[in-house]
C-alpha atoms as a PDB file:
ATOM      1  CA  MET A   1     126.184 -65.343 -44.950  1.00  0.00           C
ATOM      2  CA  ILE A   2     125.602 -62.983 -47.815  1.00  0.00           C
ATOM      3  CA  ALA A   3     123.215 -65.543 -49.254  1.00  0.00           C
ATOM      4  CA  GLN A   4     121.322 -65.597 -45.982  1.00  0.00           C
ATOM      5  CA  LEU A   5     121.258 -61.821 -45.936  1.00  0.00           C
ATOM      6  CA  ILE A   6     119.875 -61.773 -49.454  1.00  0.00           C
ATOM      7  CA  ASN A   7     117.342 -64.481 -48.512  1.00  0.00           C
ATOM      8  CA  PHE A   8     116.413 -62.544 -45.404  1.00  0.00           C
ATOM      9  CA  ALA A   9     116.045 -59.323 -47.464  1.00  0.00           C
ATOM     10  CA  ILE A  10     113.875 -61.136 -50.026  1.00  0.00           C
ATOM     11  CA  VAL A  11     111.701 -62.707 -47.301  1.00  0.00           C
ATOM     12  CA  LEU A  12     111.522 -59.372 -45.548  1.00  0.00           C
ATOM     13  CA  ALA A  13     110.536 -57.609 -48.792  1.00  0.00           C
ATOM     14  CA  ILE A  14     107.917 -60.275 -49.575  1.00  0.00           C
ATOM     15  CA  LEU A  15     106.568 -60.131 -46.028  1.00  0.00           C
ATOM     16  CA  TYR A  16     106.620 -56.335 -46.162  1.00  0.00           C
ATOM     17  CA  PHE A  17     104.688 -56.101 -49.448  1.00  0.00           C
ATOM     18  CA  PHE A  18     102.371 -59.075 -49.024  1.00  0.00           C
ATOM     19  CA  ALA A  19     101.819 -59.309 -45.277  1.00  0.00           C
ATOM     20  CA  PHE A  20     102.840 -56.184 -43.413  1.00  0.00           C
ATOM     21  CA  LYS A  21     101.410 -53.554 -45.827  1.00  0.00           C
ATOM     22  CA  PRO A  22      97.992 -55.264 -46.119  1.00  0.00           C
ATOM     23  CA  LEU A  23      97.917 -55.811 -42.321  1.00  0.00           C
ATOM     24  CA  VAL A  24      98.744 -52.140 -41.706  1.00  0.00           C
ATOM     25  CA  LYS A  25      96.108 -51.137 -44.256  1.00  0.00           C
ATOM     26  CA  ILE A  26      93.479 -53.450 -42.641  1.00  0.00           C
ATOM     27  CA  MET A  27      94.454 -52.259 -39.150  1.00  0.00           C
ATOM     28  CA  SER A  28      94.239 -48.636 -40.229  1.00  0.00           C
ATOM     29  CA  ALA A  29      90.802 -49.205 -41.824  1.00  0.00           C
ATOM     30  CA  ARG A  30      89.682 -51.036 -38.721  1.00  0.00           C
ATOM     31  CA  THR A  31      90.939 -48.164 -36.505  1.00  0.00           C
ATOM     32  CA  GLU A  32      89.084 -45.628 -38.653  1.00  0.00           C
ATOM     33  CA  LYS A  33      85.929 -47.748 -38.501  1.00  0.00           C
ATOM     34  CA  ILE A  34      86.189 -47.994 -34.696  1.00  0.00           C
ATOM     35  CA  ASP A  35      86.813 -44.225 -34.416  1.00  0.00           C
ATOM     36  CA  LYS A  36      83.825 -43.542 -36.662  1.00  0.00           C
ATOM     37  CA  SER A  37      81.659 -45.899 -34.584  1.00  0.00           C
ATOM     38  CA  LEU A  38      82.764 -44.154 -31.364  1.00  0.00           C
ATOM     39  CA  LYS A  39      81.980 -40.726 -32.857  1.00  0.00           C
ATOM     40  CA  ASP A  40      78.601 -42.008 -34.069  1.00  0.00           C
ATOM     41  CA  ALA A  41      77.897 -43.444 -30.615  1.00  0.00           C
ATOM     42  CA  GLU A  42      78.757 -40.090 -29.012  1.00  0.00           C
ATOM     43  CA  ALA A  43      76.502 -38.278 -31.500  1.00  0.00           C
ATOM     44  CA  ILE A  44      73.705 -40.743 -30.780  1.00  0.00           C
ATOM     45  CA  GLU A  45      74.159 -40.241 -27.019  1.00  0.00           C
ATOM     46  CA  LYS A  46      73.994 -36.458 -27.502  1.00  0.00           C
ATOM     47  CA  LYS A  47      70.868 -36.805 -29.632  1.00  0.00           C
ATOM     48  CA  LEU A  48      69.371 -39.147 -27.040  1.00  0.00           C
ATOM     49  CA  ALA A  49      70.106 -36.675 -24.257  1.00  0.00           C
ATOM     50  CA  LEU A  50      68.619 -33.859 -26.351  1.00  0.00           C
ATOM     51  CA  THR A  51      65.588 -36.004 -27.146  1.00  0.00           C
ATOM     52  CA  GLU A  52      65.128 -36.855 -23.458  1.00  0.00           C
ATOM     53  CA  LYS A  53      65.311 -33.146 -22.617  1.00  0.00           C
ATOM     54  CA  GLU A  54      62.802 -32.305 -25.350  1.00  0.00           C
ATOM     55  CA  LYS A  55      60.549 -35.116 -24.117  1.00  0.00           C
ATOM     56  CA  ALA A  56      60.703 -33.733 -20.583  1.00  0.00           C
ATOM     57  CA  ASP A  57      59.955 -30.220 -21.896  1.00  0.00           C
ATOM     58  CA  ILE A  58      57.025 -31.509 -23.942  1.00  0.00           C
ATOM     59  CA  ILE A  59      55.644 -33.449 -20.964  1.00  0.00           C
ATOM     60  CA  ARG A  60      56.043 -30.392 -18.727  1.00  0.00           C
ATOM     61  CA  ALA A  61      54.294 -28.193 -21.317  1.00  0.00           C
ATOM     62  CA  ALA A  62      51.515 -30.768 -21.724  1.00  0.00           C
ATOM     63  CA  LYS A  63      50.996 -30.925 -17.951  1.00  0.00           C
ATOM     64  CA  THR A  64      50.892 -27.134 -17.776  1.00  0.00           C
ATOM     65  CA  GLU A  65      48.396 -27.006 -20.624  1.00  0.00           C
ATOM     66  CA  ALA A  66      46.313 -29.777 -19.048  1.00  0.00           C
ATOM     67  CA  ASN A  67      46.257 -27.907 -15.727  1.00  0.00           C
ATOM     68  CA  ALA A  68      45.222 -24.737 -17.557  1.00  0.00           C
ATOM     69  CA  ILE A  69      42.447 -26.636 -19.346  1.00  0.00           C
ATOM     70  CA  VAL A  70      41.243 -28.154 -16.084  1.00  0.00           C
ATOM     71  CA  ALA A  71      41.312 -24.738 -14.409  1.00  0.00           C
ATOM     72  CA  GLU A  72      39.405 -23.206 -17.325  1.00  0.00           C
ATOM     73  CA  ALA A  73      36.857 -26.018 -17.217  1.00  0.00           C
ATOM     74  CA  GLY A  74      36.455 -25.500 -13.472  1.00  0.00           C
ATOM     75  CA  LYS A  75      35.979 -21.778 -13.989  1.00  0.00           C
ATOM     76  CA  ARG A  76      33.440 -22.370 -16.758  1.00  0.00           C
ATOM     77  CA  GLY A  77      31.610 -24.841 -14.543  1.00  0.00           C
ATOM     78  CA  GLU A  78      31.538 -22.363 -11.676  1.00  0.00           C
ATOM     79  CA  ASP A  79      30.328 -19.600 -14.020  1.00  0.00           C
ATOM     80  CA  LYS A  80      27.619 -21.895 -15.404  1.00  0.00           C
ATOM     81  CA  LYS A  81      26.563 -22.845 -11.865  1.00  0.00           C
ATOM     82  CA  ASN A  82      26.394 -19.176 -10.838  1.00  0.00           C
ATOM     83  CA  GLU A  83      24.429 -18.371 -13.989  1.00  0.00           C
ATOM     84  CA  LEU A  84      21.951 -21.167 -13.279  1.00  0.00           C
ATOM     85  CA  VAL A  85      21.590 -20.066  -9.658  1.00  0.00           C
ATOM     86  CA  LYS A  86      21.011 -16.482 -10.781  1.00  0.00           C
ATOM     87  CA  LYS A  87      18.449 -17.589 -13.371  1.00  0.00           C
ATOM     88  CA  ALA A  88      16.676 -19.736 -10.759  1.00  0.00           C
ATOM     89  CA  LYS A  89      16.538 -16.790  -8.329  1.00  0.00           C
ATOM     90  CA  GLU A  90      15.142 -14.563 -11.070  1.00  0.00           C
ATOM     91  CA  GLU A  91      12.503 -17.153 -11.906  1.00  0.00           C
ATOM     92  CA  ILE A  92      11.601 -17.512  -8.226  1.00  0.00           C
ATOM     93  CA  ASN A  93      11.331 -13.724  -7.865  1.00  0.00           C
ATOM     94  CA  HIS A  94       9.179 -13.596 -11.004  1.00  0.00           C
ATOM     95  CA  VAL A  95       6.882 -16.304  -9.634  1.00  0.00           C
ATOM     96  CA  ILE A  96       6.674 -14.486  -6.285  1.00  0.00           C
ATOM     97  CA  VAL A  97       5.766 -11.207  -7.989  1.00  0.00           C
ATOM     98  CA  GLU A  98       3.113 -12.938 -10.107  1.00  0.00           C
ATOM     99  CA  GLU A  99       1.660 -14.704  -7.069  1.00  0.00           C
ATOM    100  CA  LYS A 100       1.574 -11.444  -5.081  1.00  0.00           C
ATOM    101  CA  ALA A 101      -0.224  -9.757  -7.971  1.00  0.00           C
ATOM    102  CA  ARG A 102      -2.676 -12.674  -8.222  1.00  0.00           C
ATOM    103  CA  ILE A 103      -3.270 -12.576  -4.452  1.00  0.00           C
ATOM    104  CA  ALA A 104      -3.854  -8.820  -4.642  1.00  0.00           C
ATOM    105  CA  ARG A 105      -6.365  -9.293  -7.493  1.00  0.00           C
ATOM    106  CA  ASP A 106      -8.099 -12.090  -5.590  1.00  0.00           C
ATOM    107  CA  LYS A 107      -8.229  -9.912  -2.484  1.00  0.00           C
ATOM    108  CA  GLU A 108      -9.653  -6.988  -4.435  1.00  0.00           C
ATOM    109  CA  GLU A 109     -12.285  -9.223  -6.073  1.00  0.00           C
ATOM    110  CA  SER A 110     -13.162 -10.705  -2.693  1.00  0.00           C
ATOM    111  CA  LEU A 111     -13.510  -7.235  -1.190  1.00  0.00           C
ATOM    112  CA  LYS A 112     -15.778  -6.181  -4.068  1.00  0.00           C
ATOM    113  CA  GLU A 113     -17.922  -9.288  -3.596  1.00  0.00           C
ATOM    114  CA  ILE A 114     -18.075  -8.719   0.170  1.00  0.00           C
ATOM    115  CA  LYS A 115     -19.048  -5.076  -0.347  1.00  0.00           C
ATOM    116  CA  LYS A 116     -21.744  -6.129  -2.806  1.00  0.00           C
ATOM    117  CA  GLU A 117     -23.077  -8.766  -0.435  1.00  0.00           C
ATOM    118  CA  VAL A 118     -22.989  -6.333   2.488  1.00  0.00           C
ATOM    119  CA  ALA A 119     -24.807  -3.757   0.359  1.00  0.00           C
ATOM    120  CA  ASP A 120     -27.431  -6.331  -0.613  1.00  0.00           C
ATOM    121  CA  LEU A 121     -27.851  -7.328   3.044  1.00  0.00           C
ATOM    122  CA  VAL A 122     -28.133  -3.702   4.094  1.00  0.00           C
ATOM    123  CA  VAL A 123     -30.737  -3.080   1.400  1.00  0.00           C
ATOM    124  CA  LEU A 124     -32.729  -6.104   2.498  1.00  0.00           C
ATOM    125  CA  THR A 125     -32.463  -5.031   6.100  1.00  0.00           C
ATOM    126  CA  VAL A 126     -33.507  -1.506   5.312  1.00  0.00           C
ATOM    127  CA  GLU A 127     -36.381  -2.768   3.152  1.00  0.00           C
ATOM    128  CA  LYS A 128     -37.606  -4.913   5.963  1.00  0.00           C
ATOM    129  CA  LEU A 129     -37.273  -2.015   8.322  1.00  0.00           C
ATOM    130  CA  LEU A 130     -39.038   0.386   6.067  1.00  0.00           C
ATOM    131  CA  ASP A 131     -41.355  -2.294   4.897  1.00  0.00           C
ATOM    132  CA  GLU A 132     -41.420  -0.945   1.454  1.00  0.00           C
ATOM    133  CA  LYS A 133     -39.841  -2.102  -1.722  1.00  0.00           C
ATOM    134  CA  MET A 134     -37.282   0.219  -3.130  1.00  0.00           C
ATOM    135  CA  THR A 135     -37.063   0.925  -6.803  1.00  0.00           C
ATOM    136  CA  ALA A 136     -33.913   0.189  -8.799  1.00  0.00           C
ATOM    137  CA  ASP A 137     -32.890   3.857  -8.840  1.00  0.00           C
ATOM    138  CA  LYS A 138     -33.396   4.229  -5.112  1.00  0.00           C
ATOM    139  CA  ASP A 139     -31.520   0.972  -4.597  1.00  0.00           C
ATOM    140  CA  ARG A 140     -28.449   2.136  -6.529  1.00  0.00           C
ATOM    141  CA  GLU A 141     -28.415   5.497  -4.830  1.00  0.00           C
ATOM    142  CA  PHE A 142     -28.692   3.943  -1.405  1.00  0.00           C
ATOM    143  CA  ILE A 143     -25.903   1.414  -2.201  1.00  0.00           C
ATOM    144  CA  LYS A 144     -23.609   4.195  -3.399  1.00  0.00           C
ATOM    145  CA  ARG A 145     -24.072   6.102  -0.172  1.00  0.00           C
ATOM    146  CA  LEU A 146     -23.450   3.049   1.920  1.00  0.00           C
ATOM    147  CA  VAL A 147     -20.334   2.036   0.003  1.00  0.00           C
ATOM    148  CA  LYS A 148     -18.740   5.440   0.389  1.00  0.00           C
END
């Protein structure tokens, strides 16, 4: 019995040093590796959540900026349209003023021509009535009196 106890103690010591200690060491390393992997996975999940939040913030900011750019472009387009309309109205008014001035000049020239023709007709009529030819000085003087 003592021999069996000694054999059992020797087997137990051999198993303890060669089997149990290395198994405990491997199990402990494995546990640490698993714990580290779980902590890394949690850190990665936190980073992923943070990245998703940052992505959403960036997308939101980009949409806001895009809307601002579109609004600015719309405003610039409206301003350009108003400017073009204003310029067109100014050009139209300028053309109208020029045409009115041209019409007034044409009217004045026509009136002068009509007055001259009327004066010539009056002179011819008066000459025929008087049956005498008027001199150039008499002609001018008579025309001036008729025109006034």
